[in-house]
Protein backbone atom coordinates (compact mmCIF):
# COMPACT_ATOMS: atom_id res chain seq x y z
CA MET A 1 94.98 -28.34 -44.03
CA LYS A 2 96.83 -25.40 -45.82
CA ILE A 3 94.03 -25.50 -48.68
CA LEU A 4 91.33 -24.31 -46.22
CA LEU A 5 93.73 -21.16 -45.78
CA ILE A 6 94.50 -20.86 -49.58
CA LEU A 7 91.03 -21.09 -51.22
CA PRO A 8 89.30 -18.14 -48.99
CA ILE A 9 92.64 -16.02 -48.86
CA SER A 10 93.11 -16.07 -52.41
CA PHE A 11 89.69 -15.53 -53.17
CA LEU A 12 89.70 -12.32 -50.97
CA LEU A 13 93.07 -11.23 -52.51
CA ASN A 14 91.49 -11.70 -55.82
CA ILE A 15 88.61 -9.46 -54.78
CA PHE A 16 90.35 -6.78 -53.18
CA VAL A 17 94.05 -6.42 -54.81
CA LYS A 18 94.20 -5.06 -58.27
CA LYS A 19 96.50 -7.25 -60.33
CA PHE A 20 99.23 -5.64 -62.23
CA ASN A 21 99.07 -5.57 -65.97
CA PHE A 22 101.37 -8.71 -66.41
CA ASN A 23 100.15 -12.04 -67.30
CA PRO A 24 102.58 -14.57 -67.23
CA PHE A 25 100.54 -17.19 -68.90
CA ILE A 26 100.89 -14.97 -72.20
CA PHE A 27 104.39 -16.81 -72.68
CA ILE A 28 102.81 -20.21 -72.68
CA SER A 29 101.09 -19.31 -75.71
CA ARG A 30 103.78 -17.97 -77.46
CA LEU A 31 105.83 -20.90 -76.76
CA HIS A 32 103.02 -22.87 -77.99
CA PHE A 33 103.05 -21.03 -81.07
CA ILE A 34 106.90 -20.82 -81.83
CA ALA A 35 106.71 -24.73 -81.19
CA GLU A 36 104.13 -25.19 -83.81
CA ASP A 37 106.18 -22.48 -86.45
CA LEU A 38 109.15 -24.54 -85.70
CA TYR A 39 107.28 -27.85 -86.45
CA ARG A 40 105.82 -26.51 -89.80
CA LYS A 41 109.32 -25.02 -90.96
CA LYS A 42 111.11 -28.19 -90.15
CA SER A 43 108.70 -30.95 -90.91
CA LYS A 44 108.37 -32.32 -94.58
CA SER A 45 105.29 -34.34 -93.93
CA ASP A 46 101.81 -33.00 -94.22
CA LYS A 47 100.39 -36.07 -92.32
CA LYS A 48 97.68 -34.84 -89.68
CA SER A 49 98.48 -37.82 -87.33
CA ILE A 50 102.14 -36.54 -86.94
CA SER A 51 101.20 -32.86 -86.24
CA ILE A 52 98.67 -34.31 -83.74
CA ILE A 53 101.60 -36.32 -81.95
CA ILE A 54 104.21 -33.31 -82.11
CA GLY A 55 101.47 -31.07 -80.82
CA THR A 56 100.57 -33.38 -78.13
CA LEU A 57 104.01 -34.13 -77.01
CA SER A 58 104.87 -30.23 -77.11
CA SER A 59 101.82 -29.39 -74.75
CA LEU A 60 102.40 -32.33 -72.25
CA ILE A 61 106.08 -31.22 -72.10
CA LEU A 62 104.88 -27.37 -70.89
CA ILE A 63 102.30 -29.01 -68.71
CA ALA A 64 104.51 -30.83 -67.17
CA ILE A 65 107.38 -28.19 -66.62
CA CYS A 66 104.75 -26.00 -65.45
CA PHE A 67 103.64 -28.27 -62.74
CA ALA A 68 107.18 -29.64 -61.92
CA ILE A 69 108.60 -26.09 -60.97
CA PRO A 70 106.15 -24.83 -58.55
CA PHE A 71 105.68 -28.19 -57.11
CA PHE A 72 109.55 -28.84 -56.33
CA LEU A 73 109.89 -25.08 -55.28
CA LEU A 74 106.97 -25.33 -52.94
CA MET A 75 108.31 -28.55 -51.47
CA LEU A 76 111.51 -26.73 -50.84
CA LEU A 77 109.94 -23.60 -49.22
CA TYR A 78 107.67 -25.58 -46.91
CA LYS A 79 110.59 -27.48 -45.54
CA ILE A 80 112.32 -24.19 -44.73
CA HIS A 81 109.11 -22.92 -43.28
CA PHE A 82 105.67 -23.05 -43.38
CA ILE A 83 104.84 -19.76 -43.23
CA LEU A 84 107.22 -19.07 -46.26
CA GLY A 85 105.81 -21.93 -48.52
CA LEU A 86 102.31 -20.59 -47.68
CA ILE A 87 102.95 -17.05 -48.79
CA ILE A 88 104.49 -18.09 -52.06
CA GLU A 89 101.56 -20.56 -52.82
CA LEU A 90 99.41 -17.59 -52.04
CA ALA A 91 101.30 -15.71 -54.65
CA LEU A 92 100.99 -18.22 -57.05
CA CYS A 93 97.18 -18.86 -56.44
CA TYR A 94 96.68 -15.14 -57.03
CA ILE A 95 98.58 -15.06 -60.07
CA THR A 96 96.52 -18.02 -61.47
CA LEU A 97 93.21 -17.22 -60.28
CA GLY A 98 90.89 -14.48 -61.65
CA ILE A 99 87.57 -13.14 -60.64
CA ARG A 100 87.80 -9.44 -60.36
CA LYS A 101 88.39 -8.31 -63.86
CA PRO A 102 85.40 -9.66 -65.51
CA LEU A 103 83.26 -7.94 -62.80
CA GLU A 104 85.10 -4.55 -63.21
CA VAL A 105 85.07 -4.46 -66.74
CA SER A 106 80.96 -5.53 -66.51
CA SER A 107 80.50 -2.95 -64.11
CA TYR A 108 82.38 -0.20 -66.33
CA ILE A 109 80.12 -1.40 -69.34
CA PHE A 110 77.07 -1.04 -66.98
CA HIS A 111 78.04 2.51 -66.17
CA SER A 112 78.58 3.50 -69.48
CA LEU A 113 75.48 2.31 -70.81
CA GLU A 114 73.50 4.17 -67.73
CA ASN A 115 75.34 7.29 -69.03
CA ASN A 116 74.09 6.72 -72.76
CA ASP A 117 77.61 6.06 -73.79
CA ILE A 118 77.16 3.12 -76.04
CA LYS A 119 80.06 3.76 -77.89
CA LYS A 120 82.41 3.54 -74.70
CA ALA A 121 80.75 0.34 -73.57
CA LYS A 122 81.01 -1.48 -77.06
CA SER A 123 84.99 -0.35 -76.94
CA LEU A 124 85.34 -2.04 -73.57
CA LEU A 125 83.57 -5.20 -74.64
CA LYS A 126 85.72 -5.57 -77.78
CA GLU A 127 88.84 -5.15 -75.85
CA ASN A 128 88.03 -7.82 -73.58
CA ILE A 129 86.77 -10.50 -75.70
CA GLU A 130 87.83 -9.36 -79.26
CA ILE A 131 84.65 -9.78 -81.08
CA GLU A 132 83.50 -7.27 -83.31
CA THR A 133 80.82 -4.88 -81.42
CA GLU A 134 80.36 -1.85 -84.11
CA ASP A 135 77.26 -3.13 -85.33
CA ILE A 136 75.40 -4.77 -82.48
CA ASP A 137 72.66 -3.13 -80.57
CA GLU A 138 72.23 -2.67 -76.99
CA ASP A 139 70.39 -5.94 -76.43
CA GLN A 140 73.33 -7.97 -77.75
CA LEU A 141 75.64 -5.81 -75.91
CA ILE A 142 73.97 -6.79 -72.71
CA LYS A 143 73.96 -10.45 -73.59
CA ASN A 144 77.54 -10.48 -74.72
CA THR A 145 78.62 -8.78 -71.42
CA ILE A 146 76.73 -11.17 -69.18
CA GLU A 147 78.25 -14.10 -70.97
CA TYR A 148 81.81 -12.88 -70.87
CA THR A 149 81.18 -12.22 -66.78
CA ALA A 150 79.93 -15.76 -66.46
CA ILE A 151 82.41 -17.68 -68.49
CA SER A 152 85.09 -15.78 -67.19
CA ILE A 153 84.49 -16.16 -63.42
CA ALA A 154 83.88 -19.90 -63.81
CA GLU A 155 86.72 -20.62 -66.29
CA ASP A 156 89.38 -18.26 -64.62
CA TYR A 157 88.32 -18.81 -61.16
CA ILE A 158 85.85 -21.69 -60.16
CA TYR A 159 87.50 -24.32 -62.38
CA PRO A 160 91.12 -23.75 -61.45
CA ALA A 161 89.82 -23.49 -57.50
CA ILE A 162 88.68 -27.05 -58.09
CA PHE A 163 92.35 -28.18 -59.35
CA LEU A 164 93.43 -26.14 -56.54
CA LEU A 165 91.54 -28.19 -54.27
CA LEU A 166 92.71 -31.23 -55.66
CA GLY A 167 96.42 -30.69 -56.04
CA GLY A 168 97.34 -27.23 -54.60
CA ALA A 169 98.86 -24.65 -56.62
CA PRO A 170 101.20 -26.86 -59.03
CA LEU A 171 98.08 -28.59 -60.18
CA CYS A 172 96.04 -25.27 -60.33
CA ILE A 173 98.88 -23.96 -62.66
CA ALA A 174 99.20 -27.06 -64.82
CA TYR A 175 95.16 -26.73 -65.53
CA LYS A 176 95.50 -23.10 -66.17
CA VAL A 177 98.43 -23.70 -68.87
CA LEU A 178 96.07 -26.57 -70.61
CA TYR A 179 93.25 -24.03 -70.64
CA VAL A 180 95.51 -21.40 -72.05
CA LEU A 181 97.08 -23.43 -74.78
CA SER A 182 92.97 -24.62 -75.23
CA GLU A 183 92.24 -20.98 -75.75
CA SER A 184 95.22 -20.52 -78.04
CA SER A 185 94.29 -23.39 -80.28
CA SER A 186 90.56 -22.60 -80.61
CA ASP A 187 89.08 -20.99 -83.59
CA SER A 188 86.32 -19.08 -81.50
CA VAL A 189 85.60 -17.08 -78.42
CA TYR A 190 83.06 -19.04 -76.97
CA ILE A 191 82.30 -22.48 -78.35
CA ASP A 192 84.45 -25.31 -76.85
CA GLU A 193 82.85 -27.98 -78.86
CA ASN A 194 85.89 -30.04 -79.90
CA LYS A 195 86.02 -28.18 -83.02
CA SER A 196 89.48 -26.49 -84.26
CA ASN A 197 91.27 -26.01 -87.80
CA ASP A 198 94.60 -26.34 -85.54
CA VAL A 199 95.40 -29.82 -85.37
CA PHE A 200 98.62 -29.33 -83.73
CA GLY A 201 96.52 -28.07 -80.81
CA ILE A 202 93.54 -30.35 -81.05
CA PHE A 203 94.93 -32.39 -78.19
CA ASN A 204 94.91 -29.12 -75.72
CA ILE A 205 91.07 -28.59 -76.41
CA LYS A 206 89.79 -31.74 -76.32
CA LEU A 207 91.39 -32.55 -72.93
CA CYS A 208 90.41 -29.12 -71.87
CA TYR A 209 86.85 -29.99 -72.79
CA ILE A 210 86.75 -33.25 -70.78
CA LEU A 211 88.32 -31.87 -68.00
CA ASN A 212 85.84 -29.14 -67.80
CA ILE A 213 82.64 -31.31 -67.84
CA ILE A 214 82.21 -31.88 -63.93
CA PRO A 215 83.23 -28.46 -63.10
CA SER A 216 80.80 -27.05 -65.52
CA ILE A 217 78.14 -29.07 -64.22
CA PHE A 218 79.23 -28.25 -60.63
CA SER A 219 79.02 -24.32 -61.49
CA SER A 220 75.63 -24.94 -63.09
CA ILE A 221 74.34 -26.48 -59.81
CA ILE A 222 75.84 -23.67 -57.84
CA ASN A 223 73.87 -21.28 -60.13
CA ILE A 224 70.83 -22.96 -59.21
CA LEU A 225 71.39 -23.09 -55.80
CA THR A 226 71.97 -19.37 -56.06
CA ALA A 227 68.65 -18.87 -57.64
CA VAL A 228 67.04 -20.37 -54.82
CA PHE A 229 68.81 -17.86 -52.46
CA PHE A 230 67.80 -15.14 -54.28
CA ARG A 231 64.53 -16.46 -54.90
CA TYR A 232 64.88 -15.97 -58.73
CA GLU A 233 63.70 -18.26 -61.15
CA TYR A 234 65.33 -21.37 -60.01
CA LYS A 235 62.76 -23.86 -61.52
CA ASN A 236 63.46 -22.20 -65.01
CA ALA A 237 67.18 -22.31 -64.36
CA PHE A 238 66.96 -25.79 -63.99
CA ALA A 239 64.69 -26.83 -66.84
CA THR A 240 66.60 -24.51 -68.92
CA LEU A 241 69.94 -26.12 -67.93
CA LYS A 242 68.39 -29.59 -68.70
CA ARG A 243 67.11 -28.37 -72.28
CA ASP A 244 69.89 -26.19 -73.53
CA GLY A 245 73.08 -27.18 -71.40
CA LYS A 246 74.71 -28.98 -74.44
CA ASN A 247 78.22 -28.29 -73.80
CA ASN A 248 80.25 -26.92 -71.11
CA LYS A 249 79.80 -22.98 -71.70
CA SER A 250 76.01 -23.45 -72.65
CA ARG A 251 75.44 -25.11 -69.30
CA LEU A 252 76.85 -21.90 -67.60
CA GLU A 253 74.98 -19.69 -69.73
CA ALA A 254 71.79 -21.63 -69.48
CA SER A 255 71.61 -21.88 -65.71
CA ILE A 256 71.89 -18.00 -65.50
CA ALA A 257 69.67 -17.53 -68.39
CA GLY A 258 66.82 -19.37 -66.67
CA ALA A 259 67.36 -17.92 -63.55
CA LEU A 260 67.27 -14.42 -64.88
CA ASN A 261 64.35 -15.24 -67.35
CA ILE A 262 66.59 -14.08 -70.28
CA GLU A 263 68.05 -15.42 -73.51
CA LEU A 264 71.71 -15.86 -74.38
CA GLY A 265 73.64 -16.97 -76.80
CA GLY A 266 73.30 -16.47 -80.43
CA GLU A 267 75.67 -14.91 -83.34
CA TYR A 268 78.84 -13.06 -82.95
CA ILE A 269 81.32 -11.83 -85.54
CA LYS A 270 84.94 -12.10 -84.98
CA ASP A 271 87.65 -11.48 -87.59
CA GLY A 272 84.94 -10.73 -90.13
CA GLU A 273 83.45 -14.10 -89.59
CA ILE A 274 79.88 -15.02 -88.15
CA TYR A 275 79.92 -17.46 -85.61
CA ASP A 276 76.59 -19.45 -84.70
CA ARG A 277 76.22 -20.64 -81.06
CA PRO A 278 73.26 -22.30 -79.28
CA VAL A 279 70.38 -19.77 -78.16
CA VAL A 280 70.01 -20.71 -74.36
CA GLY A 281 67.16 -19.40 -71.98
CA GLU A 282 63.91 -17.60 -73.22
CA TYR A 283 63.35 -13.91 -73.92
CA LEU A 284 60.80 -13.48 -71.12
CA GLU A 285 62.29 -10.42 -69.83
CA ASP A 286 63.24 -7.14 -71.82
CA LEU A 287 66.90 -6.60 -71.53
CA ASN A 288 68.31 -3.42 -69.97
CA ALA A 289 71.51 -2.38 -68.38
CA ASN A 290 70.03 -3.33 -64.83
CA HIS A 291 70.42 -7.10 -66.06
CA ILE A 292 74.22 -6.67 -65.95
CA GLU A 293 74.41 -5.23 -62.41
CA LYS A 294 71.77 -8.06 -61.30
CA ALA A 295 73.94 -10.70 -63.06
CA ASN A 296 77.27 -9.57 -61.42
CA LYS A 297 75.51 -9.74 -58.04
CA PHE A 298 74.47 -13.32 -59.19
CA ILE A 299 77.56 -14.58 -60.50
CA LEU A 300 79.72 -13.11 -57.52
CA THR A 301 77.27 -14.68 -54.99
CA SER A 302 77.39 -17.93 -56.73
CA ALA A 303 81.33 -17.97 -56.78
CA ILE A 304 81.17 -17.22 -52.93
CA PHE A 305 78.68 -20.36 -52.88
CA ALA A 306 81.19 -22.56 -54.96
CA LEU A 307 84.27 -21.45 -52.48
CA SER A 308 82.12 -22.47 -49.56
CA VAL A 309 81.06 -25.88 -51.19
CA LEU A 310 84.76 -26.60 -51.96
CA ILE A 311 85.66 -25.83 -48.62
CA ILE A 312 83.14 -28.13 -47.05
CA ILE A 313 84.15 -30.66 -49.56
CA LYS A 314 88.04 -30.48 -48.17
CA LEU A 315 86.84 -30.49 -44.49
CA ILE A 316 84.69 -33.70 -45.08
CA SER A 317 87.36 -35.64 -47.37
CA MET A 318 89.77 -34.57 -44.20
CA LEU A 319 87.48 -36.05 -41.45
CA ILE A 320 86.53 -39.29 -43.84
CA TYR A 321 90.32 -39.70 -44.23
CA SER A 322 91.14 -39.33 -40.43
CA ILE A 323 88.55 -41.77 -39.48
CA ALA A 324 89.57 -44.26 -42.12
CA PHE A 325 93.42 -43.81 -41.43
């Protein structure tokens, strides 16, 4: 029952209350790097299988600890008083979920482009997705901004919210830890195709990719429903998803690109290296700054619809449980 309170309240908190410049999940990445560094220094074996086993055990221990601490803490607090437990669980969800920042950043980029300050827009994008933006044109800047917003809100809000629905704040935090470990082990910004040179962290990438398959399909379907709501190109959104949605992130991009009649994906540069991503959608409209604002409205509405569907699913499951038991 408490999840029906936590889901909408945590959403509103994330939208209207600005977060402190403190991200506790940064320490998870650091612990992962420390564990890998210790293993490299102490180990005399170069076998990949040993690296995978040690990396997997290290990750599982971190995930288990990050699940157990909030689990037992909330169990204790709810026994003391329901309101106390609810407040702390809301605080944990507020820290774990994220929806405001990508909307803010993309809005700042939009206003910078409106004021013909492309240098500032490039700087804002580079700060947040850590790709090289000096040599990209305005079209690519707009594409990267829309991609950043779409992927960030799905992976930082919708996906964790699904795990929040399944197991409360502890499971939501455990998923977030796995996601952070996966990102720290990945070679690229966007691609999640189970590819990495980091053998020590390959378990994180593969498990996170598998766990994200259903949430990415769910988010893409919600995007199509949102296209129907706005009377956008929902048929094209479905066709693009079916044609170009080859992996978790391309599904998100494809459903939005189809709905907005734009093309997303393509090359980007990070640390002087070119990464090639699959192109999704079709170049049916000339890109301009207004597409960022249009995409923001679309993506935020899609997140609200996703929240509504999750609440409905929870209500239905509670009803079925009450009837069956």
